[in-house]
C-alpha atoms as a PDB file:
ATOM      1  CA  MET A   1       6.975 -15.402  -5.014  1.00  0.00           C
ATOM      2  CA  SER A   2       3.458 -16.111  -3.908  1.00  0.00           C
ATOM      3  CA  ILE A   3       0.267 -14.521  -5.135  1.00  0.00           C
ATOM      4  CA  CYS A   4      -2.005 -13.531  -2.274  1.00  0.00           C
ATOM      5  CA  ILE A   5      -5.395 -13.427  -3.934  1.00  0.00           C
ATOM      6  CA  GLY A   6      -7.843 -14.510  -1.264  1.00  0.00           C
ATOM      7  CA  MET A   7     -11.569 -14.779  -0.812  1.00  0.00           C
ATOM      8  CA  SER A   8     -11.866 -11.011  -0.212  1.00  0.00           C
ATOM      9  CA  THR A   9     -10.376 -10.306  -3.645  1.00  0.00           C
ATOM     10  CA  VAL A  10     -12.634 -12.831  -5.369  1.00  0.00           C
ATOM     11  CA  LEU A  11     -15.761 -11.538  -3.591  1.00  0.00           C
ATOM     12  CA  GLY A  12     -14.728  -7.918  -4.231  1.00  0.00           C
ATOM     13  CA  THR A  13     -14.355  -8.597  -7.955  1.00  0.00           C
ATOM     14  CA  LEU A  14     -17.743 -10.328  -8.167  1.00  0.00           C
ATOM     15  CA  ALA A  15     -19.491  -7.629  -6.097  1.00  0.00           C
ATOM     16  CA  THR A  16     -17.943  -4.890  -8.261  1.00  0.00           C
ATOM     17  CA  ALA A  17     -19.263  -6.537 -11.443  1.00  0.00           C
ATOM     18  CA  VAL A  18     -22.754  -7.117 -10.013  1.00  0.00           C
ATOM     19  CA  ILE A  19     -23.102  -3.601  -8.565  1.00  0.00           C
ATOM     20  CA  GLY A  20     -21.991  -2.063 -11.868  1.00  0.00           C
ATOM     21  CA  SER A  21     -24.430  -4.123 -13.897  1.00  0.00           C
ATOM     22  CA  VAL A  22     -27.494  -3.136 -11.810  1.00  0.00           C
ATOM     23  CA  THR A  23     -26.800   0.593 -11.345  1.00  0.00           C
ATOM     24  CA  PRO A  24     -27.882   3.361 -13.756  1.00  0.00           C
ATOM     25  CA  ASP A  25     -25.582   4.054 -16.733  1.00  0.00           C
ATOM     26  CA  ASN A  26     -23.996   7.137 -15.157  1.00  0.00           C
ATOM     27  CA  ILE A  27     -22.744   5.027 -12.208  1.00  0.00           C
ATOM     28  CA  LYS A  28     -19.978   2.645 -13.216  1.00  0.00           C
ATOM     29  CA  THR A  29     -17.803   0.209 -11.326  1.00  0.00           C
ATOM     30  CA  TYR A  30     -14.454  -1.165 -12.390  1.00  0.00           C
ATOM     31  CA  VAL A  31     -11.690  -3.599 -11.653  1.00  0.00           C
ATOM     32  CA  SER A  32      -8.213  -2.610 -12.762  1.00  0.00           C
ATOM     33  CA  LEU A  33      -4.765  -4.040 -13.053  1.00  0.00           C
ATOM     34  CA  ASN A  34      -1.829  -1.698 -13.307  1.00  0.00           C
ATOM     35  CA  VAL A  35       1.902  -1.575 -12.835  1.00  0.00           C
ATOM     36  CA  ASP A  36       4.195   0.992 -11.320  1.00  0.00           C
ATOM     37  CA  PRO A  37       6.958   0.784 -13.921  1.00  0.00           C
ATOM     38  CA  TRP A  38       9.625   2.505 -11.832  1.00  0.00           C
ATOM     39  CA  ASP A  39      11.137   1.313  -8.596  1.00  0.00           C
ATOM     40  CA  ASN A  40      12.976   3.568  -6.144  1.00  0.00           C
ATOM     41  CA  ASN A  41      15.985   3.697  -8.475  1.00  0.00           C
ATOM     42  CA  THR A  42      13.874   4.847 -11.448  1.00  0.00           C
ATOM     43  CA  GLN A  43      14.377   1.605 -13.343  1.00  0.00           C
ATOM     44  CA  ILE A  44      11.687  -0.435 -15.066  1.00  0.00           C
ATOM     45  CA  ASP A  45      10.136  -2.893 -12.570  1.00  0.00           C
ATOM     46  CA  PHE A  46       6.961  -4.880 -13.303  1.00  0.00           C
ATOM     47  CA  ARG A  47       7.221  -7.262 -10.315  1.00  0.00           C
ATOM     48  CA  GLU A  48       4.556  -5.587  -8.180  1.00  0.00           C
ATOM     49  CA  PRO A  49       1.313  -5.173 -10.137  1.00  0.00           C
ATOM     50  CA  MET A  50      -1.477  -3.315  -8.358  1.00  0.00           C
ATOM     51  CA  GLY A  51      -5.159  -4.060  -8.502  1.00  0.00           C
ATOM     52  CA  SER A  52      -8.119  -1.873  -7.685  1.00  0.00           C
ATOM     53  CA  PHE A  53     -11.857  -1.923  -7.235  1.00  0.00           C
ATOM     54  CA  GLY A  54     -13.699   1.303  -7.856  1.00  0.00           C
ATOM     55  CA  ILE A  55     -16.994   3.059  -8.383  1.00  0.00           C
ATOM     56  CA  GLU A  56     -17.557   6.339 -10.185  1.00  0.00           C
ATOM     57  CA  TYR A  57     -20.456   8.692 -10.828  1.00  0.00           C
ATOM     58  CA  ASP A  58     -20.284  11.306 -13.579  1.00  0.00           C
ATOM     59  CA  VAL A  59     -22.110  14.349 -12.212  1.00  0.00           C
ATOM     60  CA  THR A  60     -21.407  16.191 -15.493  1.00  0.00           C
ATOM     61  CA  PRO A  61     -19.061  15.387 -18.398  1.00  0.00           C
ATOM     62  CA  ASN A  62     -16.396  17.351 -16.495  1.00  0.00           C
ATOM     63  CA  VAL A  63     -16.993  16.276 -12.860  1.00  0.00           C
ATOM     64  CA  ARG A  64     -16.684  12.713 -11.534  1.00  0.00           C
ATOM     65  CA  LEU A  65     -17.138  11.453  -7.956  1.00  0.00           C
ATOM     66  CA  PHE A  66     -15.259   8.247  -7.143  1.00  0.00           C
ATOM     67  CA  GLY A  67     -14.230   5.747  -4.503  1.00  0.00           C
ATOM     68  CA  GLU A  68     -11.361   3.306  -4.958  1.00  0.00           C
ATOM     69  CA  HIS A  69      -9.413   0.569  -3.174  1.00  0.00           C
ATOM     70  CA  LEU A  70      -5.808  -0.114  -4.275  1.00  0.00           C
ATOM     71  CA  SER A  71      -3.617  -3.021  -3.226  1.00  0.00           C
ATOM     72  CA  SER A  72      -1.062  -5.447  -4.614  1.00  0.00           C
ATOM     73  CA  PRO A  73      -1.921  -9.159  -4.838  1.00  0.00           C
ATOM     74  CA  ARG A  74       1.807  -9.960  -5.107  1.00  0.00           C
ATOM     75  CA  GLN A  75       2.519  -8.508  -1.660  1.00  0.00           C
ATOM     76  CA  CYS A  76       1.133 -10.848   0.961  1.00  0.00           C
ATOM     77  CA  ASP A  77       1.552  -8.168   3.634  1.00  0.00           C
ATOM     78  CA  ASP A  78      -0.195  -5.421   1.627  1.00  0.00           C
ATOM     79  CA  HIS A  79      -2.967  -4.716   4.084  1.00  0.00           C
ATOM     80  CA  PRO A  80      -5.243  -2.781   4.286  1.00  0.00           C
ATOM     81  CA  GLY A  81      -4.290  -1.233   0.940  1.00  0.00           C
ATOM     82  CA  VAL A  82      -5.138   2.350   0.057  1.00  0.00           C
ATOM     83  CA  ASN A  83      -8.776   3.435   0.179  1.00  0.00           C
ATOM     84  CA  HIS A  84      -9.623   6.879  -1.114  1.00  0.00           C
ATOM     85  CA  THR A  85     -12.738   8.816  -2.092  1.00  0.00           C
ATOM     86  CA  GLY A  86     -12.956  12.096  -3.937  1.00  0.00           C
ATOM     87  CA  ILE A  87     -13.601  14.138  -7.039  1.00  0.00           C
ATOM     88  CA  LYS A  88     -11.982  14.290 -10.471  1.00  0.00           C
ATOM     89  CA  PHE A  89     -12.154  17.200 -12.876  1.00  0.00           C
ATOM     90  CA  MET A  90     -12.291  15.804 -16.413  1.00  0.00           C
ATOM     91  CA  VAL A  91     -11.221  17.350 -19.730  1.00  0.00           C
ATOM     92  CA  PRO A  92     -12.466  15.130 -22.588  1.00  0.00           C
ATOM     93  CA  ILE A  93     -10.616  15.603 -25.881  1.00  0.00           C
ATOM     94  CA  ASN A  94     -12.070  13.274 -28.537  1.00  0.00           C
ATOM     95  CA  ASP A  95     -11.482   9.708 -27.211  1.00  0.00           C
ATOM     96  CA  VAL A  96      -8.942  10.783 -24.576  1.00  0.00           C
ATOM     97  CA  THR A  97      -9.771  12.237 -21.162  1.00  0.00           C
ATOM     98  CA  ILE A  98      -7.283  14.188 -19.052  1.00  0.00           C
ATOM     99  CA  TYR A  99      -8.097  14.555 -15.356  1.00  0.00           C
ATOM    100  CA  ASN A 100      -6.984  15.974 -12.045  1.00  0.00           C
ATOM    101  CA  GLY A 101      -8.358  14.431  -8.876  1.00  0.00           C
ATOM    102  CA  TRP A 102      -8.468  15.227  -5.182  1.00  0.00           C
ATOM    103  CA  SER A 103      -9.342  12.640  -2.563  1.00  0.00           C
ATOM    104  CA  ILE A 104      -9.221  11.761   1.090  1.00  0.00           C
ATOM    105  CA  ASN A 105      -7.904   8.417   2.241  1.00  0.00           C
ATOM    106  CA  ASP A 106      -8.708   6.380   5.305  1.00  0.00           C
ATOM    107  CA  SER A 107      -6.635   6.688   8.435  1.00  0.00           C
ATOM    108  CA  SER A 108      -5.245   3.125   8.325  1.00  0.00           C
ATOM    109  CA  PHE A 109      -2.406   3.575   5.867  1.00  0.00           C
ATOM    110  CA  ASP A 110      -1.029   0.765   3.810  1.00  0.00           C
ATOM    111  CA  SER A 111       2.222  -0.686   5.107  1.00  0.00           C
ATOM    112  CA  ASN A 112       3.826  -0.398   1.651  1.00  0.00           C
ATOM    113  CA  ASP A 113       2.860   3.184   0.748  1.00  0.00           C
ATOM    114  CA  ASN A 114       3.918   6.488   2.209  1.00  0.00           C
ATOM    115  CA  PHE A 115       0.726   8.401   1.432  1.00  0.00           C
ATOM    116  CA  SER A 116      -0.410  10.734   4.174  1.00  0.00           C
ATOM    117  CA  GLY A 117      -3.128  13.337   4.289  1.00  0.00           C
ATOM    118  CA  PRO A 118      -5.276  14.165   1.268  1.00  0.00           C
ATOM    119  CA  LEU A 119      -4.263  12.716  -2.103  1.00  0.00           C
ATOM    120  CA  THR A 120      -4.106  14.236  -5.566  1.00  0.00           C
ATOM    121  CA  SER A 121      -3.807  12.623  -8.965  1.00  0.00           C
ATOM    122  CA  VAL A 122      -3.159  13.638 -12.544  1.00  0.00           C
ATOM    123  CA  GLY A 123      -3.981  11.204 -15.304  1.00  0.00           C
ATOM    124  CA  VAL A 124      -4.979  10.370 -18.844  1.00  0.00           C
ATOM    125  CA  GLU A 125      -7.435   7.665 -19.868  1.00  0.00           C
ATOM    126  CA  TYR A 126      -8.614   6.247 -23.182  1.00  0.00           C
ATOM    127  CA  GLY A 127     -11.577   4.002 -23.943  1.00  0.00           C
ATOM    128  CA  GLU A 128     -15.052   3.119 -22.687  1.00  0.00           C
ATOM    129  CA  ASP A 129     -15.596  -0.524 -21.636  1.00  0.00           C
ATOM    130  CA  PHE A 130     -11.842  -1.090 -21.380  1.00  0.00           C
ATOM    131  CA  ARG A 131      -9.967   2.033 -20.295  1.00  0.00           C
ATOM    132  CA  PHE A 132      -6.242   2.318 -20.699  1.00  0.00           C
ATOM    133  CA  TYR A 133      -4.762   4.859 -18.343  1.00  0.00           C
ATOM    134  CA  ILE A 134      -1.653   6.335 -16.777  1.00  0.00           C
ATOM    135  CA  GLU A 135      -1.805   8.240 -13.499  1.00  0.00           C
ATOM    136  CA  TYR A 136       0.381   9.966 -10.951  1.00  0.00           C
ATOM    137  CA  LEU A 137      -1.024   9.587  -7.408  1.00  0.00           C
ATOM    138  CA  THR A 138       0.556  11.315  -4.426  1.00  0.00           C
ATOM    139  CA  GLY A 139      -0.130  12.884  -1.058  1.00  0.00           C
ATOM    140  CA  VAL A 140      -0.593  16.656  -1.246  1.00  0.00           C
ATOM    141  CA  ASN A 141       1.922  17.014   1.606  1.00  0.00           C
ATOM    142  CA  ASP A 142       4.660  15.184  -0.320  1.00  0.00           C
ATOM    143  CA  MET A 143       4.153  15.785  -4.045  1.00  0.00           C
ATOM    144  CA  GLU A 144       7.529  14.360  -5.083  1.00  0.00           C
ATOM    145  CA  ASN A 145       7.108  10.876  -3.613  1.00  0.00           C
ATOM    146  CA  GLY A 146       4.003   9.675  -5.410  1.00  0.00           C
ATOM    147  CA  ARG A 147       3.438   6.711  -7.670  1.00  0.00           C
ATOM    148  CA  VAL A 148       3.226   6.661 -11.463  1.00  0.00           C
ATOM    149  CA  SER A 149       1.206   3.700 -12.685  1.00  0.00           C
ATOM    150  CA  GLY A 150      -0.403   2.612 -15.901  1.00  0.00           C
ATOM    151  CA  GLY A 151      -2.851  -0.119 -16.720  1.00  0.00           C
ATOM    152  CA  ILE A 152      -6.314  -1.126 -17.811  1.00  0.00           C
ATOM    153  CA  LYS A 153      -9.724  -0.766 -16.162  1.00  0.00           C
ATOM    154  CA  VAL A 154     -12.528  -3.171 -17.007  1.00  0.00           C
ATOM    155  CA  MET A 155     -15.746  -1.160 -16.652  1.00  0.00           C
ATOM    156  CA  PHE A 156     -19.139  -2.520 -15.562  1.00  0.00           C
ATOM    157  CA  LYS A 157     -22.258  -0.482 -16.335  1.00  0.00           C
END
């Protein structure tokens, strides 16, 4: 079991932190680590953690624009990952935010995901500088074969 964290991952993490620290407060960047706790047989499986780099802009308290790159550092053949850009509709309730997102992804699909066409997500997040979240991400053409994942986002603002 090798870990395939290369120079691109290191530079992406550093660039995400720097960009987030120099942008206005309503533009945030993040690095996340999450797990998909169910494999194809619906059993707990933490062997393939996912990582992401992202940027988000809160247009209003209820509308967020975002761009995100997802990939797994444990899968050496996980290239190019999933890149998607879109909009999330937020419902803040005290310290918890529920959201529904719609996004488009690039045409070079990841070899380990079956996403095709536009994507949609439903999620819940908690926190500010460190956000705990759980999300269901899937292609709108195949709603049943998405990915449930949960994790933590480290925010830079």
